Amino acid sequence: MKNILKFFFALLITVASVSYTNAQVSISVRIGPPALPVYEQPYVPGDGYMWVPGYWAYDGGYYWVPGMWVLPPETGFLWTPGYWGFTNSFYRWHSGYWGRNVGYYGGINYGHGYGGRGYYGGEWRGRSFRYNTAVTRVNTTVIHNTYINRTVVNNNTIINKNRASYNGNGGVAARPTRQEEVAVKETHVRPTSLQLSHQSEAKADKRQFASANDGRPAKLIEEGNANNNNHAAIEKARVTHNDNNNHNAADNRPRVATKEPTQQSATNQQILRDKAKQDAARQQQINAARADDQTKEAVQNQQRQQQARVDNQRKEAIQNQQRQQQVNADNQKRQQVQNQQRQQQVNANNQRRQQVQNQERVQQRNNPGKQVQPRAQENRRKK
């Protein structure tokens, strides 16, 4: 009876909306989650462990699930954190999952490699996981699979000054990238049994509820084997993963991540088959996209050639017009010069004729008795 009353009480506060898509469970509530607390990541306890950041879960109220180091269910798997998204006046929880690629997690900056886009706290190289010490706390005297890459940190970090723990109005405004949208459609594996039991333990601890701690949980992280002052304990965890005094159950579970494909369960084999189908489908999409690009390139080349021909014709027409204008200008100059020369010749002839006439008049006045008119006329005829 008590459980039934508790169920109906929770139903009054929440909107029951549970759906399963790619092994994800979604819950919707009307009250937003608290801000993300600030905490320091513990040292990685051994090779192969992957950081799962803490988050606010909900069960009649928000409670903090501490961050912890866990072993992935398969070699090559990465963790995509869950996130709260605000849509249509509700805060909806999108559960995290394991997969070959990191998908969209609302752009929430959980820190320690989860800056809002992908995961840059480490990467798989073959069957070995290497840690990026630019953001991951690693005791390099014990674990040597490390590298430093600060550029990827700067390129994938979404600034979240108010430490908002949800996506949407009033929170983080990041939208999924094309790569994240593709990753969401891939085959996923739900959280491991260890992760689920870890969340159940957090829910059972009333000190983890925001109503009891005012958004400051009593336990922010699961220390596990990450004893900063005890390197021998870390080395023991790395080699054996079976320390009976360990408070983190992650070290007591077998490392499934190192199993060969022939030893995988039927479920894992089905996952691999689905993955192969998805890879084939993606390859077909890539080939189709490449063919479309080649077709577009051919069309663009043809258009560029046509444009080049049109441009050449325009240039040729302009050059012909300029040449014709130059020819016309030269002809006009030549005609002007010829006209000027002819006019100068006419003027010179007129001046000479006038001079002769003036000379004859002067002779006539000086010698009035002489007949000079015929001679002048004869001279003019000779000339």
Protein backbone atom coordinates (compact mmCIF):
# COMPACT_ATOMS: atom_id res chain seq x y z
CA MET A 1 0.00 0.00 0.00
CA LYS A 2 2.83 2.35 0.86
CA ASN A 3 4.45 1.73 -2.51
CA ILE A 4 1.17 2.41 -4.30
CA LEU A 5 0.75 5.76 -2.49
CA LYS A 6 4.33 6.67 -3.33
CA PHE A 7 3.68 5.85 -6.98
CA PHE A 8 0.59 8.05 -7.18
CA PHE A 9 2.36 10.85 -5.30
CA ALA A 10 5.19 10.82 -7.85
CA LEU A 11 2.62 10.72 -10.64
CA LEU A 12 1.12 14.04 -9.42
CA ILE A 13 4.52 15.73 -9.74
CA THR A 14 5.81 14.10 -12.91
CA VAL A 15 4.35 13.38 -16.30
CA ALA A 16 4.86 9.71 -16.88
CA SER A 17 6.51 9.38 -20.23
CA VAL A 18 8.78 6.39 -20.56
CA SER A 19 9.98 5.31 -23.98
CA TYR A 20 12.70 2.97 -25.16
CA THR A 21 14.77 3.99 -28.16
CA ASN A 22 18.20 2.49 -28.65
CA ALA A 23 18.10 1.29 -25.01
CA GLN A 24 17.34 4.81 -23.71
CA VAL A 25 14.72 5.64 -21.08
CA SER A 26 13.12 9.09 -21.05
CA ILE A 27 11.32 10.76 -18.13
CA SER A 28 9.55 14.14 -18.20
CA VAL A 29 9.03 16.47 -15.23
CA ARG A 30 7.89 20.07 -14.82
CA ILE A 31 10.64 21.25 -12.47
CA GLY A 32 14.13 21.92 -13.83
CA PRO A 33 17.27 20.25 -12.42
CA PRO A 34 19.73 22.16 -10.18
CA ALA A 35 23.00 23.53 -11.50
CA LEU A 36 25.91 21.15 -11.95
CA PRO A 37 28.16 21.04 -8.87
CA VAL A 38 31.90 21.58 -9.18
CA TYR A 39 34.15 18.68 -8.20
CA GLU A 40 37.61 17.29 -8.79
CA GLN A 41 37.97 14.12 -10.80
CA PRO A 42 39.69 11.23 -8.96
CA TYR A 43 42.71 9.54 -10.51
CA VAL A 44 41.95 6.79 -13.02
CA PRO A 45 42.22 3.50 -11.09
CA GLY A 46 43.74 1.46 -13.93
CA ASP A 47 44.08 0.86 -17.66
CA GLY A 48 40.84 0.65 -19.61
CA TYR A 49 38.64 2.56 -17.17
CA MET A 50 36.45 5.32 -18.59
CA TRP A 51 35.03 8.32 -16.77
CA VAL A 52 31.24 8.57 -16.45
CA PRO A 53 30.39 12.09 -15.20
CA GLY A 54 27.93 12.71 -12.38
CA TYR A 55 24.40 13.87 -13.20
CA TRP A 56 21.06 14.80 -11.66
CA ALA A 57 18.53 11.94 -11.78
CA TYR A 58 14.88 12.13 -10.74
CA ASP A 59 12.58 10.02 -8.59
CA GLY A 60 10.05 12.19 -6.80
CA GLY A 61 12.83 14.78 -6.63
CA TYR A 62 16.26 15.40 -8.07
CA TYR A 63 19.20 13.45 -6.60
CA TRP A 64 22.86 13.48 -7.58
CA VAL A 65 24.45 10.36 -9.05
CA PRO A 66 28.21 10.66 -8.37
CA GLY A 67 30.70 10.48 -11.20
CA MET A 68 32.74 7.28 -11.34
CA TRP A 69 35.29 5.29 -13.29
CA VAL A 70 33.81 2.24 -15.05
CA LEU A 71 34.93 -0.38 -17.52
CA PRO A 72 33.15 -0.19 -20.89
CA PRO A 73 31.06 -3.20 -21.93
CA GLU A 74 33.13 -3.67 -25.11
CA THR A 75 36.50 -2.66 -26.49
CA GLY A 76 36.10 0.46 -28.59
CA PHE A 77 32.95 1.64 -26.81
CA LEU A 78 32.57 5.23 -25.60
CA TRP A 79 30.08 6.72 -23.17
CA THR A 80 27.51 9.33 -24.21
CA PRO A 81 26.19 11.03 -21.04
CA GLY A 82 22.49 11.50 -20.47
CA TYR A 83 21.03 15.00 -20.36
CA TRP A 84 17.90 16.97 -19.51
CA GLY A 85 16.17 18.82 -22.34
CA PHE A 86 13.49 21.50 -21.90
CA THR A 87 10.75 21.32 -24.55
CA ASN A 88 7.03 22.08 -24.49
CA SER A 89 7.14 23.22 -20.84
CA PHE A 90 8.66 19.91 -19.66
CA TYR A 91 12.15 18.81 -18.65
CA ARG A 92 12.79 15.48 -20.32
CA TRP A 93 15.60 13.10 -19.41
CA HIS A 94 17.51 11.43 -22.25
CA SER A 95 19.46 8.49 -20.87
CA GLY A 96 23.13 7.92 -21.58
CA TYR A 97 24.39 4.93 -23.56
CA TRP A 98 27.47 3.11 -24.79
CA GLY A 99 28.39 3.06 -28.48
CA ARG A 100 31.18 3.26 -31.01
CA ASN A 101 30.85 7.04 -31.23
CA VAL A 102 29.83 9.76 -28.79
CA GLY A 103 26.44 11.20 -29.67
CA TYR A 104 24.56 14.34 -28.71
CA TYR A 105 24.21 15.04 -25.00
CA GLY A 106 22.60 18.46 -25.10
CA GLY A 107 25.83 20.42 -25.22
CA ILE A 108 26.07 20.07 -21.43
CA ASN A 109 29.58 20.80 -20.20
CA TYR A 110 30.03 18.04 -17.61
CA GLY A 111 33.79 18.65 -17.56
CA HIS A 112 36.67 16.17 -17.42
CA GLY A 113 36.56 15.49 -21.17
CA TYR A 114 32.83 16.00 -21.71
CA GLY A 115 32.84 19.67 -22.71
CA GLY A 116 29.57 19.62 -24.63
CA ARG A 117 30.82 18.10 -27.91
CA GLY A 118 32.12 14.53 -27.98
CA TYR A 119 34.67 13.17 -25.53
CA TYR A 120 38.29 14.30 -25.50
CA GLY A 121 39.45 12.79 -22.22
CA GLY A 122 40.98 9.90 -24.13
CA GLU A 123 40.70 7.75 -27.24
CA TRP A 124 40.89 4.15 -28.40
CA ARG A 125 43.95 3.11 -30.33
CA GLY A 126 43.44 -0.47 -31.35
CA ARG A 127 42.43 -2.42 -28.25
CA SER A 128 44.13 0.04 -25.90
CA PHE A 129 42.56 3.18 -24.42
CA ARG A 130 44.88 6.16 -24.11
CA TYR A 131 44.20 9.07 -21.72
CA ASN A 132 44.52 12.75 -22.56
CA THR A 133 46.25 14.17 -19.50
CA ALA A 134 45.23 17.69 -20.55
CA VAL A 135 41.83 17.00 -18.90
CA THR A 136 42.07 13.55 -17.28
CA ARG A 137 43.79 12.93 -13.94
CA VAL A 138 46.26 10.11 -14.50
CA ASN A 139 49.12 8.84 -12.36
CA THR A 140 51.62 8.59 -15.21
CA THR A 141 54.08 6.65 -13.04
CA VAL A 142 51.59 3.77 -13.12
CA ILE A 143 49.61 4.27 -16.33
CA HIS A 144 51.67 5.00 -19.43
CA ASN A 145 48.99 5.00 -22.15
CA THR A 146 48.77 8.81 -22.19
CA TYR A 147 49.10 11.80 -24.48
CA ILE A 148 48.48 15.55 -24.29
CA ASN A 149 46.14 17.38 -26.69
CA ARG A 150 44.89 20.79 -25.58
CA THR A 151 43.70 21.87 -29.02
CA VAL A 152 40.82 19.40 -29.05
CA VAL A 153 39.80 20.70 -25.63
CA ASN A 154 39.55 24.28 -26.88
CA ASN A 155 37.66 23.27 -30.02
CA ASN A 156 34.99 21.19 -28.25
CA THR A 157 34.27 23.07 -25.04
CA ILE A 158 30.95 24.90 -24.70
CA ILE A 159 31.13 27.76 -22.22
CA ASN A 160 28.59 27.24 -19.43
CA LYS A 161 29.14 30.01 -16.88
CA ASN A 162 25.99 29.29 -14.84
CA ARG A 163 26.68 25.50 -14.91
CA ALA A 164 23.25 24.78 -16.40
CA SER A 165 22.44 21.06 -16.31
CA TYR A 166 19.80 21.07 -19.07
CA ASN A 167 19.41 22.04 -22.70
CA GLY A 168 16.76 24.51 -23.79
CA ASN A 169 15.28 27.84 -22.77
CA GLY A 170 17.29 29.24 -19.86
CA GLY A 171 19.93 26.52 -20.15
CA VAL A 172 22.38 25.44 -22.84
CA ALA A 173 21.36 26.40 -26.39
CA ALA A 174 23.59 23.95 -28.30
CA ARG A 175 22.09 22.03 -31.23
CA PRO A 176 23.32 18.61 -32.46
CA THR A 177 25.96 18.52 -35.17
CA ARG A 178 25.69 16.31 -38.24
CA GLN A 179 28.16 13.85 -36.71
CA GLU A 180 26.17 13.70 -33.47
CA GLU A 181 22.92 13.10 -35.35
CA VAL A 182 24.51 10.14 -37.14
CA ALA A 183 25.82 8.73 -33.84
CA VAL A 184 22.35 8.93 -32.27
CA LYS A 185 21.00 6.57 -34.96
CA GLU A 186 23.69 3.95 -34.40
CA THR A 187 23.32 0.81 -32.28
CA HIS A 188 23.63 1.60 -28.57
CA VAL A 189 24.14 -0.42 -25.40
CA ARG A 190 22.33 0.64 -22.26
CA PRO A 191 24.23 1.44 -19.03
CA THR A 192 25.93 -1.53 -17.40
CA SER A 193 24.46 -3.26 -14.36
CA LEU A 194 27.15 -1.58 -12.27
CA GLN A 195 26.02 1.85 -13.45
CA LEU A 196 22.37 1.03 -12.72
CA SER A 197 23.17 -0.24 -9.24
CA HIS A 198 25.31 2.83 -8.67
CA GLN A 199 22.31 5.04 -9.49
CA SER A 200 20.09 2.96 -7.19
CA GLU A 201 22.55 3.45 -4.34
CA ALA A 202 22.52 7.20 -4.92
CA LYS A 203 18.73 7.21 -4.90
CA ALA A 204 18.69 5.34 -1.60
CA ASP A 205 20.93 7.95 0.02
CA LYS A 206 18.64 10.82 1.06
CA ARG A 207 21.66 13.10 1.44
CA GLN A 208 22.02 13.04 -2.35
CA PHE A 209 18.61 14.67 -2.93
CA ALA A 210 18.61 18.37 -3.81
CA SER A 211 15.76 18.91 -1.35
CA ALA A 212 18.11 17.80 1.45
CA ASN A 213 21.39 19.36 0.29
CA ASP A 214 20.17 22.51 -1.53
CA GLY A 215 21.97 21.46 -4.70
CA ARG A 216 25.22 20.57 -2.88
CA PRO A 217 25.34 16.76 -2.70
CA ALA A 218 27.18 15.08 0.15
CA LYS A 219 28.92 12.74 -2.28
CA LEU A 220 30.00 14.15 -5.64
CA ILE A 221 32.23 11.35 -6.95
CA GLU A 222 32.89 7.67 -6.38
CA GLU A 223 36.50 7.40 -5.31
CA GLY A 224 36.95 3.71 -6.07
CA ASN A 225 40.61 2.75 -6.29
CA ALA A 226 41.70 6.31 -7.04
CA ASN A 227 43.77 6.83 -3.90
CA ASN A 228 45.98 9.81 -4.71
CA ASN A 229 48.58 8.89 -2.09
CA ASN A 230 48.68 5.15 -2.65
CA HIS A 231 50.18 4.30 -6.03
CA ALA A 232 50.54 0.67 -5.07
CA ALA A 233 46.78 0.40 -4.60
CA ILE A 234 46.27 1.91 -8.05
CA GLU A 235 48.71 -0.52 -9.60
CA LYS A 236 46.98 -3.43 -7.88
CA ALA A 237 43.62 -2.28 -9.22
CA ARG A 238 45.08 -1.94 -12.69
CA VAL A 239 46.52 -5.45 -12.72
CA THR A 240 43.88 -7.46 -10.90
CA HIS A 241 40.62 -5.43 -10.86
CA ASN A 242 39.72 -7.65 -7.91
CA ASP A 243 40.54 -5.84 -4.67
CA ASN A 244 38.26 -7.20 -1.96
CA ASN A 245 38.61 -4.02 0.11
CA ASN A 246 37.59 -1.79 -2.77
CA HIS A 247 34.45 0.30 -2.15
CA ASN A 248 33.77 0.57 -5.86
CA ALA A 249 32.14 -2.51 -7.35
CA ALA A 250 33.56 -1.59 -10.77
CA ASP A 251 36.85 -3.27 -9.83
CA ASN A 252 35.10 -6.54 -8.83
CA ARG A 253 33.51 -7.12 -12.20
CA PRO A 254 35.37 -8.96 -15.01
CA ARG A 255 36.86 -6.85 -17.78
CA VAL A 256 34.48 -7.67 -20.57
CA ALA A 257 36.26 -5.11 -22.70
CA THR A 258 39.16 -7.51 -23.37
CA LYS A 259 37.10 -10.42 -24.61
CA GLU A 260 37.71 -11.69 -28.10
CA PRO A 261 34.80 -11.55 -30.60
CA THR A 262 34.52 -15.35 -30.51
CA GLN A 263 33.71 -15.18 -26.79
CA GLN A 264 31.00 -12.55 -27.04
CA SER A 265 27.45 -13.25 -26.11
CA ALA A 266 24.66 -13.58 -28.64
CA THR A 267 23.58 -10.05 -27.85
CA ASN A 268 27.02 -8.63 -28.53
CA GLN A 269 27.25 -10.62 -31.75
CA GLN A 270 23.94 -9.15 -32.83
CA ILE A 271 25.29 -5.72 -31.99
CA LEU A 272 28.29 -6.37 -34.21
CA ARG A 273 26.04 -7.54 -37.05
CA ASP A 274 23.89 -4.45 -36.67
CA LYS A 275 27.02 -2.35 -36.60
CA ALA A 276 28.22 -3.98 -39.83
CA LYS A 277 24.86 -3.27 -41.47
CA GLN A 278 25.01 0.32 -40.32
CA ASP A 279 28.56 0.65 -41.61
CA ALA A 280 27.46 -0.74 -44.98
CA ALA A 281 24.50 1.64 -45.07
CA ARG A 282 26.76 4.56 -44.18
CA GLN A 283 29.21 3.51 -46.90
CA GLN A 284 26.36 3.47 -49.42
CA GLN A 285 25.36 6.94 -48.28
CA ILE A 286 28.95 8.09 -48.61
CA ASN A 287 29.19 6.59 -52.12
CA ALA A 288 25.90 8.21 -53.11
CA ALA A 289 27.04 11.52 -51.70
CA ARG A 290 30.35 11.17 -53.54
CA ALA A 291 28.51 10.46 -56.80
CA ASP A 292 26.30 13.48 -56.23
CA ASP A 293 29.37 15.58 -55.58
CA GLN A 294 30.96 14.35 -58.80
CA THR A 295 27.80 15.17 -60.73
CA LYS A 296 27.64 18.61 -59.16
CA GLU A 297 31.32 19.12 -59.94
CA ALA A 298 30.76 18.16 -63.59
CA VAL A 299 27.81 20.55 -63.86
CA GLN A 300 29.82 23.29 -62.19
CA ASN A 301 32.74 22.68 -64.57
CA GLN A 302 30.39 22.89 -67.55
CA GLN A 303 28.88 26.09 -66.19
CA ARG A 304 32.34 27.50 -65.60
CA GLN A 305 33.34 26.65 -69.18
CA GLN A 306 30.20 28.25 -70.57
CA GLN A 307 30.80 31.32 -68.46
CA ALA A 308 34.40 31.43 -69.64
CA ARG A 309 33.25 31.30 -73.29
CA VAL A 310 30.74 34.07 -72.65
CA ASP A 311 33.40 36.15 -70.92
CA ASN A 312 35.83 35.60 -73.81
CA GLN A 313 33.17 36.63 -76.32
CA ARG A 314 32.47 39.75 -74.33
CA LYS A 315 36.18 40.55 -74.12
CA GLU A 316 36.57 39.95 -77.88
CA ALA A 317 33.60 42.22 -78.64
CA ILE A 318 35.02 44.94 -76.38
CA GLN A 319 38.47 44.62 -78.00
CA ASN A 320 36.94 44.79 -81.51
CA GLN A 321 34.96 47.85 -80.51
CA GLN A 322 38.05 49.47 -79.07
CA ARG A 323 40.04 48.67 -82.23
CA GLN A 324 37.30 50.14 -84.45
CA GLN A 325 37.16 53.23 -82.27
CA GLN A 326 40.95 53.58 -82.62
CA VAL A 327 40.73 53.18 -86.41
CA ASN A 328 38.00 55.82 -86.61
CA ALA A 329 39.99 58.16 -84.43
CA ASP A 330 43.10 57.67 -86.63
CA ASN A 331 41.06 58.34 -89.78
CA GLN A 332 39.59 61.48 -88.27
CA LYS A 333 43.05 62.73 -87.31
CA ARG A 334 44.41 61.93 -90.80
CA GLN A 335 41.46 63.72 -92.44
CA GLN A 336 41.96 66.73 -90.21
CA VAL A 337 45.66 66.87 -91.08
CA GLN A 338 44.93 66.62 -94.83
CA ASN A 339 42.26 69.30 -94.64
CA GLN A 340 44.62 71.53 -92.71
CA GLN A 341 47.40 70.97 -95.28
CA ARG A 342 45.04 71.76 -98.19
CA GLN A 343 43.82 74.89 -96.48
CA GLN A 344 47.40 75.98 -95.84
CA GLN A 345 48.23 75.45 -99.53
CA VAL A 346 45.22 77.48 -100.64
CA ASN A 347 46.17 80.26 -98.25
CA ALA A 348 49.76 80.25 -99.55
CA ASN A 349 48.59 80.47 -103.18
CA ASN A 350 46.23 83.30 -102.35
CA GLN A 351 49.00 85.17 -100.60
CA ARG A 352 51.35 84.81 -103.61
CA ARG A 353 48.63 85.98 -106.01
CA GLN A 354 47.92 88.95 -103.82
CA GLN A 355 51.60 89.83 -103.68
CA VAL A 356 51.89 89.78 -107.50
CA GLN A 357 48.85 91.97 -107.87
CA ASN A 358 50.16 94.44 -105.35
CA GLN A 359 53.52 94.51 -107.15
CA GLU A 360 51.85 95.30 -110.47
CA ARG A 361 49.82 98.08 -108.95
CA VAL A 362 52.97 99.62 -107.49
CA GLN A 363 54.71 99.49 -110.93
CA GLN A 364 51.68 101.05 -112.56
CA ARG A 365 51.72 103.95 -110.18
CA ASN A 366 55.46 104.47 -110.58
CA ASN A 367 55.40 104.23 -114.41
CA PRO A 368 52.03 105.51 -115.54
CA GLY A 369 53.13 105.77 -119.21
CA LYS A 370 54.18 102.20 -119.52
CA GLN A 371 51.89 99.42 -120.52
CA VAL A 372 52.49 96.84 -117.90
CA GLN A 373 49.03 95.32 -117.83
CA PRO A 374 49.52 92.94 -120.74
CA ARG A 375 52.92 91.88 -119.45
CA ALA A 376 51.45 91.19 -116.06
CA GLN A 377 48.66 89.23 -117.67
CA GLU A 378 51.20 87.34 -119.78
CA ASN A 379 53.28 86.60 -116.75
CA ARG A 380 50.21 85.39 -114.96
CA ARG A 381 49.39 83.14 -117.91
CA LYS A 382 52.89 81.71 -117.88
CA LYS A 383 52.69 81.07 -114.30
